Amino acid sequence: MSETERAGRSIFDIYRDSVVNLINEFDKVRPAYVQSITNLQQQAIDSMRKLTELMLSVQREFMEPMRLPALPEAWVRGTDELNDALAKTTSIANKVMIASIDTATQNIKIATDACETFTRINQNILKSIRGTFVPKGE
């Protein structure tokens, strides 16, 4: 852009360009940001899994020589039922969270559309007001 073109730009053009450039920079880094979060989550899950296995193996090595009696069937069944209930609860909670995020996404789209419509209405009002005050023939 030449000096003459730059000098002729309005404050609104300069402001718009600055804001759009900033938004574009946010958009450029978004995929890397999302991937970093995904990598962090995956590492945390892998670490929890590995540390749980290590902890349980040490506990098993400590307890097995004691030759404890087998657990009653009712206790095993109750534990299995509890685990199933926890898994189902977690699954439902995750579905609710995903639905909430999807709803928030839709709400942002709806709000954007509403603001766009409101802006058009205001622009039309301004045009009609300007038309009222501009002398005929100009």
N, C-alpha and C. Protein backbone atom coordinates (compact mmCIF):
# COMPACT_ATOMS: atom_id res chain seq x y z
N MET A 1 0.86 -1.16 0.00
CA MET A 1 0.00 0.00 0.00
C MET A 1 0.91 1.23 0.00
N SER A 2 0.62 2.16 -0.88
CA SER A 2 1.45 3.37 -1.01
C SER A 2 1.13 4.36 0.11
N GLU A 3 2.01 5.35 0.25
CA GLU A 3 1.83 6.39 1.27
C GLU A 3 0.52 7.14 1.05
N THR A 4 0.19 7.40 -0.21
CA THR A 4 -1.03 8.14 -0.52
C THR A 4 -2.26 7.32 -0.12
N GLU A 5 -2.22 6.02 -0.41
CA GLU A 5 -3.35 5.17 -0.04
C GLU A 5 -3.48 5.07 1.48
N ARG A 6 -2.34 4.96 2.17
CA ARG A 6 -2.36 4.90 3.63
C ARG A 6 -2.89 6.19 4.23
N ALA A 7 -2.48 7.30 3.70
CA ALA A 7 -2.88 8.61 4.23
C ALA A 7 -4.38 8.83 4.04
N GLY A 8 -4.98 8.25 3.01
CA GLY A 8 -6.40 8.47 2.73
C GLY A 8 -7.33 7.55 3.50
N ARG A 9 -6.79 6.65 4.30
CA ARG A 9 -7.64 5.71 5.05
C ARG A 9 -8.26 6.39 6.25
N SER A 10 -9.50 6.04 6.51
CA SER A 10 -10.20 6.62 7.67
C SER A 10 -9.82 5.85 8.93
N ILE A 11 -10.13 6.45 10.05
CA ILE A 11 -9.86 5.80 11.33
C ILE A 11 -10.61 4.48 11.44
N PHE A 12 -11.80 4.40 10.83
CA PHE A 12 -12.58 3.17 10.87
C PHE A 12 -11.91 2.07 10.06
N ASP A 13 -11.31 2.43 8.90
CA ASP A 13 -10.59 1.45 8.09
C ASP A 13 -9.37 0.92 8.85
N ILE A 14 -8.66 1.81 9.49
CA ILE A 14 -7.46 1.42 10.24
C ILE A 14 -7.86 0.52 11.41
N TYR A 15 -8.90 0.92 12.13
CA TYR A 15 -9.38 0.13 13.28
C TYR A 15 -9.85 -1.24 12.82
N ARG A 16 -10.65 -1.28 11.75
CA ARG A 16 -11.16 -2.54 11.21
C ARG A 16 -10.01 -3.45 10.82
N ASP A 17 -9.03 -2.92 10.09
CA ASP A 17 -7.88 -3.74 9.66
C ASP A 17 -7.12 -4.29 10.85
N SER A 18 -6.95 -3.49 11.88
CA SER A 18 -6.23 -3.94 13.08
C SER A 18 -6.97 -5.08 13.77
N VAL A 19 -8.27 -4.91 13.94
CA VAL A 19 -9.06 -5.94 14.62
C VAL A 19 -9.12 -7.22 13.79
N VAL A 20 -9.33 -7.08 12.49
CA VAL A 20 -9.39 -8.26 11.62
C VAL A 20 -8.05 -9.00 11.63
N ASN A 21 -6.95 -8.25 11.60
CA ASN A 21 -5.63 -8.88 11.64
C ASN A 21 -5.43 -9.66 12.94
N LEU A 22 -5.87 -9.09 14.04
CA LEU A 22 -5.75 -9.75 15.33
C LEU A 22 -6.59 -11.04 15.36
N ILE A 23 -7.80 -10.97 14.86
CA ILE A 23 -8.67 -12.15 14.80
C ILE A 23 -8.03 -13.22 13.91
N ASN A 24 -7.46 -12.81 12.79
CA ASN A 24 -6.79 -13.76 11.89
C ASN A 24 -5.61 -14.44 12.58
N GLU A 25 -4.86 -13.69 13.40
CA GLU A 25 -3.74 -14.28 14.14
C GLU A 25 -4.25 -15.32 15.15
N PHE A 26 -5.37 -15.01 15.84
CA PHE A 26 -5.96 -15.99 16.75
C PHE A 26 -6.35 -17.25 15.99
N ASP A 27 -6.93 -17.07 14.81
CA ASP A 27 -7.38 -18.20 14.01
C ASP A 27 -6.21 -19.05 13.53
N LYS A 28 -5.09 -18.43 13.21
CA LYS A 28 -3.91 -19.17 12.74
C LYS A 28 -3.37 -20.11 13.82
N VAL A 29 -3.38 -19.66 15.06
CA VAL A 29 -2.77 -20.44 16.14
C VAL A 29 -3.75 -21.46 16.74
N ARG A 30 -5.04 -21.31 16.46
CA ARG A 30 -6.06 -22.19 17.04
C ARG A 30 -5.79 -23.68 16.83
N PRO A 31 -5.47 -24.14 15.61
CA PRO A 31 -5.24 -25.59 15.45
C PRO A 31 -4.08 -26.11 16.33
N ALA A 32 -3.00 -25.35 16.41
CA ALA A 32 -1.87 -25.77 17.25
C ALA A 32 -2.27 -25.77 18.72
N TYR A 33 -3.06 -24.80 19.12
CA TYR A 33 -3.53 -24.69 20.50
C TYR A 33 -4.40 -25.90 20.86
N VAL A 34 -5.34 -26.22 19.98
CA VAL A 34 -6.23 -27.36 20.21
C VAL A 34 -5.42 -28.66 20.25
N GLN A 35 -4.44 -28.79 19.35
CA GLN A 35 -3.61 -30.00 19.34
C GLN A 35 -2.79 -30.11 20.62
N SER A 36 -2.29 -29.00 21.12
CA SER A 36 -1.52 -29.02 22.36
C SER A 36 -2.38 -29.47 23.53
N ILE A 37 -3.61 -28.99 23.59
CA ILE A 37 -4.52 -29.40 24.65
C ILE A 37 -4.83 -30.89 24.53
N THR A 38 -5.08 -31.36 23.31
CA THR A 38 -5.35 -32.78 23.08
C THR A 38 -4.15 -33.62 23.51
N ASN A 39 -2.93 -33.19 23.16
CA ASN A 39 -1.73 -33.92 23.55
C ASN A 39 -1.59 -33.97 25.07
N LEU A 40 -1.87 -32.85 25.74
CA LEU A 40 -1.80 -32.79 27.19
C LEU A 40 -2.79 -33.77 27.82
N GLN A 41 -4.03 -33.75 27.32
CA GLN A 41 -5.05 -34.66 27.84
C GLN A 41 -4.65 -36.12 27.63
N GLN A 42 -4.13 -36.43 26.44
CA GLN A 42 -3.72 -37.81 26.15
C GLN A 42 -2.58 -38.24 27.06
N GLN A 43 -1.61 -37.35 27.26
CA GLN A 43 -0.49 -37.68 28.14
C GLN A 43 -0.97 -37.90 29.58
N ALA A 44 -1.91 -37.07 30.03
CA ALA A 44 -2.44 -37.23 31.39
C ALA A 44 -3.16 -38.57 31.54
N ILE A 45 -3.94 -38.94 30.57
CA ILE A 45 -4.66 -40.23 30.62
C ILE A 45 -3.68 -41.39 30.58
N ASP A 46 -2.69 -41.33 29.68
CA ASP A 46 -1.69 -42.39 29.60
C ASP A 46 -0.91 -42.50 30.91
N SER A 47 -0.57 -41.36 31.51
CA SER A 47 0.16 -41.37 32.78
C SER A 47 -0.69 -41.96 33.90
N MET A 48 -1.96 -41.58 33.98
CA MET A 48 -2.84 -42.14 35.01
C MET A 48 -2.95 -43.66 34.86
N ARG A 49 -3.10 -44.11 33.61
CA ARG A 49 -3.21 -45.55 33.35
C ARG A 49 -1.93 -46.27 33.81
N LYS A 50 -0.78 -45.74 33.40
CA LYS A 50 0.50 -46.37 33.73
C LYS A 50 0.77 -46.35 35.24
N LEU A 51 0.53 -45.20 35.87
CA LEU A 51 0.77 -45.10 37.32
C LEU A 51 -0.18 -45.99 38.11
N THR A 52 -1.42 -46.13 37.65
CA THR A 52 -2.37 -47.03 38.30
C THR A 52 -1.87 -48.47 38.21
N GLU A 53 -1.43 -48.87 37.02
CA GLU A 53 -0.90 -50.23 36.85
C GLU A 53 0.32 -50.47 37.74
N LEU A 54 1.22 -49.50 37.81
CA LEU A 54 2.41 -49.64 38.65
C LEU A 54 2.03 -49.75 40.13
N MET A 55 1.12 -48.88 40.58
CA MET A 55 0.69 -48.88 41.97
C MET A 55 0.03 -50.21 42.32
N LEU A 56 -0.84 -50.70 41.43
CA LEU A 56 -1.52 -51.97 41.70
C LEU A 56 -0.56 -53.15 41.69
N SER A 57 0.44 -53.10 40.85
CA SER A 57 1.40 -54.22 40.83
C SER A 57 2.20 -54.27 42.12
N VAL A 58 2.57 -53.12 42.68
CA VAL A 58 3.28 -53.09 43.96
C VAL A 58 2.36 -53.60 45.08
N GLN A 59 1.11 -53.16 45.06
CA GLN A 59 0.17 -53.62 46.09
C GLN A 59 -0.05 -55.13 46.00
N ARG A 60 -0.15 -55.62 44.77
CA ARG A 60 -0.35 -57.07 44.57
C ARG A 60 0.85 -57.84 45.11
N GLU A 61 2.05 -57.37 44.79
CA GLU A 61 3.26 -58.05 45.27
C GLU A 61 3.30 -58.07 46.80
N PHE A 62 2.81 -57.01 47.41
CA PHE A 62 2.81 -56.93 48.87
C PHE A 62 1.76 -57.87 49.48
N MET A 63 0.57 -57.93 48.86
CA MET A 63 -0.55 -58.65 49.46
C MET A 63 -0.59 -60.14 49.10
N GLU A 64 -0.13 -60.56 47.93
CA GLU A 64 -0.27 -61.95 47.51
C GLU A 64 0.37 -62.95 48.47
N PRO A 65 1.54 -62.67 49.04
CA PRO A 65 2.11 -63.66 49.97
C PRO A 65 1.24 -63.92 51.21
N MET A 66 0.31 -63.04 51.49
CA MET A 66 -0.55 -63.21 52.68
C MET A 66 -1.66 -64.23 52.44
N ARG A 67 -1.87 -64.63 51.23
CA ARG A 67 -2.89 -65.63 50.87
C ARG A 67 -4.25 -65.32 51.51
N LEU A 68 -4.78 -64.17 51.17
CA LEU A 68 -6.09 -63.76 51.69
C LEU A 68 -7.19 -64.63 51.07
N PRO A 69 -8.29 -64.83 51.79
CA PRO A 69 -9.38 -65.64 51.24
C PRO A 69 -10.06 -64.91 50.07
N ALA A 70 -10.71 -65.69 49.23
CA ALA A 70 -11.44 -65.13 48.08
C ALA A 70 -12.56 -64.24 48.59
N LEU A 71 -12.89 -63.26 47.80
CA LEU A 71 -13.97 -62.34 48.16
C LEU A 71 -15.33 -63.00 47.95
N PRO A 72 -16.29 -62.67 48.80
CA PRO A 72 -17.65 -63.22 48.62
C PRO A 72 -18.24 -62.78 47.28
N GLU A 73 -19.03 -63.64 46.70
CA GLU A 73 -19.64 -63.37 45.39
C GLU A 73 -20.48 -62.09 45.42
N ALA A 74 -21.19 -61.86 46.50
CA ALA A 74 -22.02 -60.65 46.60
C ALA A 74 -21.15 -59.39 46.53
N TRP A 75 -19.99 -59.43 47.13
CA TRP A 75 -19.08 -58.27 47.10
C TRP A 75 -18.57 -58.04 45.69
N VAL A 76 -18.19 -59.13 45.00
CA VAL A 76 -17.70 -59.02 43.62
C VAL A 76 -18.80 -58.48 42.73
N ARG A 77 -20.02 -59.01 42.87
CA ARG A 77 -21.16 -58.55 42.06
C ARG A 77 -21.45 -57.08 42.34
N GLY A 78 -21.43 -56.68 43.62
CA GLY A 78 -21.68 -55.28 43.98
C GLY A 78 -20.62 -54.35 43.40
N THR A 79 -19.38 -54.80 43.41
CA THR A 79 -18.30 -54.00 42.84
C THR A 79 -18.48 -53.85 41.33
N ASP A 80 -18.84 -54.94 40.67
CA ASP A 80 -19.08 -54.88 39.22
C ASP A 80 -20.24 -53.94 38.89
N GLU A 81 -21.30 -54.01 39.69
CA GLU A 81 -22.45 -53.13 39.48
C GLU A 81 -22.08 -51.67 39.70
N LEU A 82 -21.28 -51.41 40.73
CA LEU A 82 -20.83 -50.04 40.99
C LEU A 82 -19.97 -49.52 39.84
N ASN A 83 -19.07 -50.36 39.35
CA ASN A 83 -18.23 -49.95 38.23
C ASN A 83 -19.07 -49.67 36.98
N ASP A 84 -20.06 -50.51 36.71
CA ASP A 84 -20.95 -50.28 35.58
C ASP A 84 -21.70 -48.96 35.74
N ALA A 85 -22.21 -48.72 36.96
CA ALA A 85 -22.95 -47.47 37.22
C ALA A 85 -22.03 -46.26 37.05
N LEU A 86 -20.80 -46.35 37.53
CA LEU A 86 -19.86 -45.23 37.36
C LEU A 86 -19.54 -44.99 35.89
N ALA A 87 -19.36 -46.06 35.13
CA ALA A 87 -19.07 -45.92 33.70
C ALA A 87 -20.25 -45.27 32.97
N LYS A 88 -21.47 -45.71 33.29
CA LYS A 88 -22.66 -45.12 32.67
C LYS A 88 -22.82 -43.65 33.06
N THR A 89 -22.59 -43.35 34.33
CA THR A 89 -22.69 -41.96 34.80
C THR A 89 -21.67 -41.08 34.09
N THR A 90 -20.46 -41.57 33.96
CA THR A 90 -19.41 -40.82 33.27
C THR A 90 -19.78 -40.60 31.81
N SER A 91 -20.31 -41.64 31.18
CA SER A 91 -20.72 -41.53 29.78
C SER A 91 -21.83 -40.49 29.61
N ILE A 92 -22.80 -40.51 30.49
CA ILE A 92 -23.90 -39.54 30.42
C ILE A 92 -23.38 -38.13 30.67
N ALA A 93 -22.51 -37.98 31.66
CA ALA A 93 -21.94 -36.66 31.96
C ALA A 93 -21.16 -36.12 30.76
N ASN A 94 -20.42 -36.98 30.09
CA ASN A 94 -19.67 -36.55 28.90
C ASN A 94 -20.61 -36.15 27.78
N LYS A 95 -21.69 -36.89 27.60
CA LYS A 95 -22.66 -36.54 26.56
C LYS A 95 -23.32 -35.20 26.87
N VAL A 96 -23.64 -34.97 28.15
CA VAL A 96 -24.23 -33.69 28.55
C VAL A 96 -23.24 -32.55 28.28
N MET A 97 -21.97 -32.76 28.63
CA MET A 97 -20.96 -31.72 28.41
C MET A 97 -20.79 -31.42 26.92
N ILE A 98 -20.74 -32.45 26.10
CA ILE A 98 -20.61 -32.25 24.65
C ILE A 98 -21.84 -31.53 24.11
N ALA A 99 -23.02 -31.92 24.56
CA ALA A 99 -24.25 -31.24 24.13
C ALA A 99 -24.24 -29.78 24.57
N SER A 100 -23.72 -29.50 25.76
CA SER A 100 -23.63 -28.12 26.24
C SER A 100 -22.70 -27.29 25.38
N ILE A 101 -21.56 -27.87 25.01
CA ILE A 101 -20.60 -27.17 24.14
C ILE A 101 -21.23 -26.92 22.77
N ASP A 102 -21.91 -27.93 22.24
CA ASP A 102 -22.57 -27.76 20.93
C ASP A 102 -23.66 -26.69 21.01
N THR A 103 -24.39 -26.65 22.13
CA THR A 103 -25.42 -25.63 22.32
C THR A 103 -24.79 -24.24 22.39
N ALA A 104 -23.68 -24.12 23.10
CA ALA A 104 -22.98 -22.83 23.17
C ALA A 104 -22.53 -22.38 21.79
N THR A 105 -22.04 -23.32 21.00
CA THR A 105 -21.62 -23.01 19.62
C THR A 105 -22.80 -22.48 18.82
N GLN A 106 -23.94 -23.16 18.91
CA GLN A 106 -25.13 -22.72 18.20
C GLN A 106 -25.60 -21.35 18.69
N ASN A 107 -25.51 -21.13 20.00
CA ASN A 107 -25.91 -19.83 20.56
C ASN A 107 -25.03 -18.70 20.04
N ILE A 108 -23.75 -18.96 19.89
CA ILE A 108 -22.84 -17.95 19.33
C ILE A 108 -23.26 -17.63 17.89
N LYS A 109 -23.58 -18.67 17.12
CA LYS A 109 -24.03 -18.44 15.74
C LYS A 109 -25.32 -17.63 15.72
N ILE A 110 -26.27 -17.98 16.57
CA ILE A 110 -27.55 -17.26 16.63
C ILE A 110 -27.33 -15.82 17.05
N ALA A 111 -26.49 -15.59 18.05
CA ALA A 111 -26.21 -14.23 18.51
C ALA A 111 -25.54 -13.41 17.41
N THR A 112 -24.64 -14.04 16.67
CA THR A 112 -23.98 -13.35 15.56
C THR A 112 -25.00 -12.96 14.49
N ASP A 113 -25.88 -13.89 14.15
CA ASP A 113 -26.92 -13.59 13.16
C ASP A 113 -27.84 -12.47 13.66
N ALA A 114 -28.19 -12.50 14.94
CA ALA A 114 -29.05 -11.46 15.51
C ALA A 114 -28.36 -10.09 15.45
N CYS A 115 -27.07 -10.07 15.79
CA CYS A 115 -26.32 -8.80 15.72
C CYS A 115 -26.22 -8.30 14.29
N GLU A 116 -26.04 -9.22 13.36
CA GLU A 116 -25.98 -8.82 11.95
C GLU A 116 -27.31 -8.21 11.51
N THR A 117 -28.41 -8.84 11.88
CA THR A 117 -29.73 -8.31 11.55
C THR A 117 -29.96 -6.96 12.22
N PHE A 118 -29.61 -6.84 13.48
CA PHE A 118 -29.75 -5.58 14.21
C PHE A 118 -28.93 -4.48 13.54
N THR A 119 -27.72 -4.81 13.11
CA THR A 119 -26.86 -3.83 12.42
C THR A 119 -27.51 -3.37 11.12
N ARG A 120 -28.07 -4.30 10.35
CA ARG A 120 -28.74 -3.93 9.10
C ARG A 120 -29.92 -3.01 9.36
N ILE A 121 -30.69 -3.32 10.39
CA ILE A 121 -31.82 -2.47 10.74
C ILE A 121 -31.34 -1.07 11.08
N ASN A 122 -30.29 -0.99 11.90
CA ASN A 122 -29.75 0.32 12.26
C ASN A 122 -29.21 1.07 11.05
N GLN A 123 -28.58 0.36 10.14
CA GLN A 123 -28.08 1.00 8.92
C GLN A 123 -29.25 1.55 8.10
N ASN A 124 -30.31 0.79 8.00
CA ASN A 124 -31.49 1.25 7.25
C ASN A 124 -32.14 2.47 7.93
N ILE A 125 -32.17 2.46 9.25
CA ILE A 125 -32.71 3.62 9.97
C ILE A 125 -31.85 4.85 9.69
N LEU A 126 -30.51 4.67 9.75
CA LEU A 126 -29.60 5.80 9.46
C LEU A 126 -29.80 6.32 8.05
N LYS A 127 -29.96 5.40 7.09
CA LYS A 127 -30.18 5.83 5.70
C LYS A 127 -31.48 6.62 5.58
N SER A 128 -32.52 6.16 6.26
CA SER A 128 -33.80 6.87 6.16
C SER A 128 -33.72 8.23 6.84
N ILE A 129 -32.99 8.31 7.96
CA ILE A 129 -32.83 9.60 8.64
C ILE A 129 -32.03 10.55 7.76
N ARG A 130 -30.94 10.05 7.19
CA ARG A 130 -30.13 10.89 6.31
C ARG A 130 -30.96 11.37 5.12
N GLY A 131 -31.80 10.50 4.60
CA GLY A 131 -32.64 10.88 3.47
C GLY A 131 -33.64 11.96 3.83
N THR A 132 -34.06 12.00 5.07
CA THR A 132 -35.01 13.00 5.55
C THR A 132 -34.35 14.36 5.64
N PHE A 133 -33.08 14.41 6.03
CA PHE A 133 -32.41 15.68 6.27
C PHE A 133 -31.59 16.21 5.10
N VAL A 134 -31.44 15.41 4.06
CA VAL A 134 -30.67 15.86 2.89
C VAL A 134 -31.63 16.65 1.99
N PRO A 135 -31.27 17.89 1.66
CA PRO A 135 -32.15 18.68 0.79
C PRO A 135 -32.31 18.01 -0.57
N LYS A 136 -33.50 18.14 -1.13
CA LYS A 136 -33.79 17.53 -2.44
C LYS A 136 -32.94 18.21 -3.51
N GLY A 137 -32.50 17.40 -4.45
CA GLY A 137 -31.70 17.93 -5.53
C GLY A 137 -30.21 17.80 -5.26
N GLU A 138 -29.82 17.31 -4.11
CA GLU A 138 -28.38 17.14 -3.83
C GLU A 138 -27.99 15.71 -3.90
